[in-house]
Amino acid sequence: MENAFDLGVLRTTVLYLRDQTKVVLNGQLVGEWADSLPGAIAQCCSPTDPVEIDLDGVTCADPAGEKALLALWQAHRCFVCSSLFGRALCAGLGIPVEEGGR
């Protein structure tokens, strides 16, 4: 199809728990969605509060998605993941991941 285009969809759920904030990502960590993620998390989460990023629902990531994950890690965010894709993605970027977290 000549006029076909790709849409990446990323659902972000923010859970404000008693002792931490948990951000659950589902879908494609790509393009503009990925570019806006670190800023969106910074707006809803204090830099001093513990924030856990759950990557179990991420299905793919492009270079913008990898850059977003690195920015979140550099902002001292904690990553949790039990999916093979999420663990491999973080391992490739040198980001430590905690098992599970759910």
N, C-alpha and C. Protein backbone atom coordinates (compact mmCIF):
# COMPACT_ATOMS: atom_id res chain seq x y z
N MET A 1 0.83 -1.19 0.00
CA MET A 1 0.00 0.00 0.00
C MET A 1 0.87 1.24 0.00
N GLU A 2 0.55 2.16 -0.86
CA GLU A 2 1.33 3.39 -0.96
C GLU A 2 1.16 4.30 0.24
N ASN A 3 -0.03 4.42 0.75
CA ASN A 3 -0.31 5.38 1.81
C ASN A 3 -0.31 4.75 3.21
N ALA A 4 0.23 3.56 3.31
CA ALA A 4 0.27 2.91 4.63
C ALA A 4 1.31 3.59 5.51
N PHE A 5 1.06 3.59 6.80
CA PHE A 5 2.01 4.16 7.75
C PHE A 5 1.97 3.34 9.02
N ASP A 6 3.04 3.43 9.80
CA ASP A 6 3.13 2.71 11.05
C ASP A 6 2.79 3.63 12.22
N LEU A 7 2.04 3.10 13.15
CA LEU A 7 1.74 3.83 14.38
C LEU A 7 2.30 3.04 15.54
N GLY A 8 3.14 3.66 16.32
CA GLY A 8 3.61 3.04 17.54
C GLY A 8 2.69 3.46 18.67
N VAL A 9 2.34 2.52 19.52
CA VAL A 9 1.46 2.82 20.64
C VAL A 9 2.16 2.42 21.93
N LEU A 10 2.22 3.34 22.86
CA LEU A 10 2.81 3.09 24.17
C LEU A 10 1.81 3.54 25.23
N ARG A 11 1.39 2.59 26.05
CA ARG A 11 0.50 2.92 27.17
C ARG A 11 1.37 3.05 28.42
N THR A 12 1.20 4.13 29.13
CA THR A 12 1.95 4.38 30.36
C THR A 12 0.97 4.51 31.51
N THR A 13 1.13 3.66 32.51
CA THR A 13 0.27 3.69 33.68
C THR A 13 1.13 4.06 34.89
N VAL A 14 0.72 5.08 35.62
CA VAL A 14 1.46 5.52 36.80
C VAL A 14 0.65 5.13 38.03
N LEU A 15 1.27 4.32 38.90
CA LEU A 15 0.63 3.87 40.13
C LEU A 15 1.34 4.52 41.31
N TYR A 16 0.60 5.29 42.09
CA TYR A 16 1.17 5.93 43.27
C TYR A 16 0.93 5.02 44.46
N LEU A 17 1.95 4.28 44.85
CA LEU A 17 1.86 3.34 45.95
C LEU A 17 2.34 4.01 47.24
N ARG A 18 2.17 3.33 48.35
CA ARG A 18 2.51 3.92 49.65
C ARG A 18 3.98 4.34 49.73
N ASP A 19 4.90 3.48 49.30
CA ASP A 19 6.32 3.75 49.49
C ASP A 19 7.09 4.04 48.21
N GLN A 20 6.41 4.04 47.07
CA GLN A 20 7.08 4.31 45.80
C GLN A 20 6.04 4.62 44.72
N THR A 21 6.54 5.06 43.59
CA THR A 21 5.71 5.23 42.41
C THR A 21 6.15 4.19 41.40
N LYS A 22 5.17 3.55 40.77
CA LYS A 22 5.47 2.52 39.78
C LYS A 22 4.93 2.97 38.43
N VAL A 23 5.78 2.93 37.40
CA VAL A 23 5.39 3.28 36.04
C VAL A 23 5.41 2.00 35.22
N VAL A 24 4.25 1.62 34.70
CA VAL A 24 4.11 0.39 33.93
C VAL A 24 4.00 0.75 32.46
N LEU A 25 4.92 0.24 31.65
CA LEU A 25 4.93 0.51 30.21
C LEU A 25 4.40 -0.70 29.45
N ASN A 26 3.54 -0.44 28.48
CA ASN A 26 2.99 -1.49 27.62
C ASN A 26 2.99 -1.02 26.18
N GLY A 27 3.54 -1.84 25.29
CA GLY A 27 3.50 -1.52 23.87
C GLY A 27 4.88 -1.22 23.30
N GLN A 28 4.88 -0.34 22.31
CA GLN A 28 6.06 -0.05 21.53
C GLN A 28 6.76 1.20 22.04
N LEU A 29 7.98 1.05 22.48
CA LEU A 29 8.78 2.17 22.98
C LEU A 29 9.57 2.73 21.79
N VAL A 30 8.87 3.53 20.98
CA VAL A 30 9.44 4.00 19.72
C VAL A 30 9.08 5.47 19.47
N GLY A 31 9.88 6.10 18.63
CA GLY A 31 9.60 7.43 18.09
C GLY A 31 9.25 8.49 19.10
N GLU A 32 8.23 9.26 18.78
CA GLU A 32 7.82 10.39 19.63
C GLU A 32 7.36 9.94 21.01
N TRP A 33 6.76 8.75 21.08
CA TRP A 33 6.32 8.23 22.39
C TRP A 33 7.53 8.05 23.30
N ALA A 34 8.57 7.49 22.75
CA ALA A 34 9.79 7.27 23.53
C ALA A 34 10.46 8.60 23.87
N ASP A 35 10.50 9.50 22.90
CA ASP A 35 11.14 10.81 23.13
C ASP A 35 10.49 11.56 24.29
N SER A 36 9.17 11.44 24.43
CA SER A 36 8.46 12.21 25.46
C SER A 36 8.42 11.52 26.82
N LEU A 37 8.81 10.25 26.89
CA LEU A 37 8.67 9.49 28.13
C LEU A 37 9.47 10.05 29.32
N PRO A 38 10.77 10.34 29.18
CA PRO A 38 11.50 10.86 30.35
C PRO A 38 10.91 12.17 30.89
N GLY A 39 10.48 13.06 30.02
CA GLY A 39 9.88 14.31 30.46
C GLY A 39 8.54 14.10 31.14
N ALA A 40 7.75 13.17 30.61
CA ALA A 40 6.45 12.88 31.21
C ALA A 40 6.61 12.29 32.61
N ILE A 41 7.57 11.40 32.77
CA ILE A 41 7.81 10.81 34.09
C ILE A 41 8.35 11.86 35.05
N ALA A 42 9.20 12.74 34.57
CA ALA A 42 9.73 13.81 35.42
C ALA A 42 8.61 14.74 35.91
N GLN A 43 7.57 14.94 35.09
CA GLN A 43 6.46 15.81 35.48
C GLN A 43 5.59 15.19 36.56
N CYS A 44 5.46 13.86 36.55
CA CYS A 44 4.54 13.24 37.51
C CYS A 44 5.24 12.60 38.69
N CYS A 45 6.56 12.52 38.66
CA CYS A 45 7.31 11.86 39.73
C CYS A 45 8.43 12.76 40.22
N SER A 46 8.50 12.93 41.53
CA SER A 46 9.57 13.74 42.11
C SER A 46 10.92 13.07 41.89
N PRO A 47 11.97 13.85 41.60
CA PRO A 47 13.29 13.24 41.40
C PRO A 47 13.85 12.56 42.64
N THR A 48 13.32 12.90 43.82
CA THR A 48 13.83 12.29 45.04
C THR A 48 13.04 11.06 45.47
N ASP A 49 11.85 10.86 44.91
CA ASP A 49 11.03 9.71 45.27
C ASP A 49 11.47 8.46 44.51
N PRO A 50 11.38 7.29 45.15
CA PRO A 50 11.71 6.06 44.44
C PRO A 50 10.68 5.78 43.35
N VAL A 51 11.17 5.54 42.14
CA VAL A 51 10.30 5.24 41.00
C VAL A 51 10.77 3.94 40.36
N GLU A 52 9.83 3.02 40.20
CA GLU A 52 10.11 1.72 39.59
C GLU A 52 9.50 1.71 38.20
N ILE A 53 10.32 1.41 37.19
CA ILE A 53 9.86 1.33 35.80
C ILE A 53 9.69 -0.15 35.45
N ASP A 54 8.45 -0.56 35.14
CA ASP A 54 8.14 -1.94 34.81
C ASP A 54 8.11 -2.09 33.30
N LEU A 55 9.02 -2.91 32.78
CA LEU A 55 9.17 -3.07 31.33
C LEU A 55 8.54 -4.35 30.78
N ASP A 56 7.82 -5.10 31.60
CA ASP A 56 7.30 -6.39 31.14
C ASP A 56 6.39 -6.29 29.92
N GLY A 57 5.69 -5.18 29.76
CA GLY A 57 4.76 -5.04 28.65
C GLY A 57 5.34 -4.42 27.40
N VAL A 58 6.62 -4.08 27.41
CA VAL A 58 7.25 -3.47 26.23
C VAL A 58 7.49 -4.55 25.18
N THR A 59 7.03 -4.30 23.96
CA THR A 59 7.13 -5.30 22.89
C THR A 59 8.24 -5.01 21.89
N CYS A 60 8.67 -3.75 21.79
CA CYS A 60 9.79 -3.41 20.91
C CYS A 60 10.32 -2.03 21.30
N ALA A 61 11.53 -1.75 20.87
CA ALA A 61 12.14 -0.44 21.15
C ALA A 61 13.06 -0.08 20.00
N ASP A 62 13.01 1.17 19.56
CA ASP A 62 13.92 1.66 18.54
C ASP A 62 15.01 2.48 19.24
N PRO A 63 15.92 3.11 18.48
CA PRO A 63 16.97 3.91 19.13
C PRO A 63 16.42 5.00 20.05
N ALA A 64 15.27 5.59 19.72
CA ALA A 64 14.68 6.60 20.62
C ALA A 64 14.23 5.95 21.92
N GLY A 65 13.72 4.73 21.86
CA GLY A 65 13.32 4.01 23.05
C GLY A 65 14.51 3.66 23.92
N GLU A 66 15.59 3.25 23.29
CA GLU A 66 16.81 2.95 24.05
C GLU A 66 17.35 4.21 24.72
N LYS A 67 17.30 5.33 24.02
CA LYS A 67 17.76 6.60 24.58
C LYS A 67 16.90 7.00 25.78
N ALA A 68 15.59 6.77 25.67
CA ALA A 68 14.68 7.10 26.78
C ALA A 68 14.99 6.25 28.01
N LEU A 69 15.24 4.96 27.81
CA LEU A 69 15.57 4.10 28.94
C LEU A 69 16.87 4.53 29.60
N LEU A 70 17.86 4.88 28.79
CA LEU A 70 19.13 5.35 29.36
C LEU A 70 18.94 6.65 30.15
N ALA A 71 18.11 7.55 29.64
CA ALA A 71 17.84 8.80 30.36
C ALA A 71 17.15 8.53 31.69
N LEU A 72 16.21 7.59 31.71
CA LEU A 72 15.53 7.25 32.96
C LEU A 72 16.49 6.60 33.95
N TRP A 73 17.36 5.74 33.46
CA TRP A 73 18.33 5.09 34.33
C TRP A 73 19.30 6.13 34.91
N GLN A 74 19.73 7.07 34.07
CA GLN A 74 20.64 8.12 34.54
C GLN A 74 19.96 9.04 35.55
N ALA A 75 18.62 9.08 35.53
CA ALA A 75 17.86 9.85 36.52
C ALA A 75 17.60 9.01 37.77
N HIS A 76 18.34 7.92 37.91
CA HIS A 76 18.29 7.05 39.10
C HIS A 76 16.96 6.34 39.27
N ARG A 77 16.34 5.94 38.17
CA ARG A 77 15.11 5.16 38.25
C ARG A 77 15.48 3.69 38.31
N CYS A 78 14.65 2.91 38.97
CA CYS A 78 14.86 1.47 39.14
C CYS A 78 14.04 0.73 38.08
N PHE A 79 14.62 -0.26 37.45
CA PHE A 79 13.93 -1.04 36.43
C PHE A 79 13.61 -2.43 36.95
N VAL A 80 12.40 -2.89 36.70
CA VAL A 80 12.00 -4.26 37.02
C VAL A 80 11.46 -4.90 35.76
N CYS A 81 11.76 -6.18 35.63
CA CYS A 81 11.32 -6.87 34.43
C CYS A 81 11.54 -8.37 34.60
N SER A 82 10.59 -9.15 34.14
CA SER A 82 10.78 -10.59 34.10
C SER A 82 10.68 -11.11 32.67
N SER A 83 10.29 -10.26 31.71
CA SER A 83 10.18 -10.70 30.32
C SER A 83 11.57 -10.82 29.69
N LEU A 84 11.72 -11.78 28.81
CA LEU A 84 13.01 -11.98 28.15
C LEU A 84 13.40 -10.78 27.31
N PHE A 85 12.42 -10.20 26.59
CA PHE A 85 12.74 -9.05 25.76
C PHE A 85 13.23 -7.87 26.59
N GLY A 86 12.51 -7.54 27.65
CA GLY A 86 12.89 -6.41 28.49
C GLY A 86 14.24 -6.60 29.14
N ARG A 87 14.50 -7.82 29.59
CA ARG A 87 15.79 -8.11 30.23
C ARG A 87 16.93 -8.01 29.20
N ALA A 88 16.70 -8.52 27.99
CA ALA A 88 17.73 -8.44 26.95
C ALA A 88 17.96 -7.00 26.52
N LEU A 89 16.90 -6.23 26.43
CA LEU A 89 17.02 -4.81 26.06
C LEU A 89 17.87 -4.07 27.08
N CYS A 90 17.58 -4.25 28.34
CA CYS A 90 18.35 -3.57 29.39
C CYS A 90 19.78 -4.08 29.45
N ALA A 91 19.98 -5.38 29.28
CA ALA A 91 21.34 -5.93 29.30
C ALA A 91 22.18 -5.33 28.19
N GLY A 92 21.59 -5.16 27.01
CA GLY A 92 22.29 -4.57 25.89
C GLY A 92 22.68 -3.11 26.13
N LEU A 93 21.92 -2.43 26.99
CA LEU A 93 22.19 -1.03 27.30
C LEU A 93 23.03 -0.88 28.57
N GLY A 94 23.28 -1.99 29.25
CA GLY A 94 24.05 -1.93 30.49
C GLY A 94 23.24 -1.43 31.68
N ILE A 95 21.92 -1.58 31.61
CA ILE A 95 21.04 -1.13 32.68
C ILE A 95 20.72 -2.33 33.58
N PRO A 96 21.03 -2.23 34.88
CA PRO A 96 20.69 -3.34 35.79
C PRO A 96 19.17 -3.43 35.98
N VAL A 97 18.69 -4.67 36.07
CA VAL A 97 17.26 -4.92 36.20
C VAL A 97 17.01 -5.82 37.39
N GLU A 98 15.98 -5.48 38.17
CA GLU A 98 15.55 -6.33 39.26
C GLU A 98 14.50 -7.30 38.73
N GLU A 99 14.50 -8.49 39.25
CA GLU A 99 13.54 -9.52 38.84
C GLU A 99 12.15 -9.17 39.31
N GLY A 100 11.16 -9.33 38.42
CA GLY A 100 9.75 -9.18 38.81
C GLY A 100 9.39 -7.80 39.29
N GLY A 101 8.97 -7.70 40.54
CA GLY A 101 8.55 -6.43 41.09
C GLY A 101 7.05 -6.26 41.13
N ARG A 102 6.31 -7.21 40.61
CA ARG A 102 4.85 -7.11 40.60
C ARG A 102 4.26 -7.66 41.85
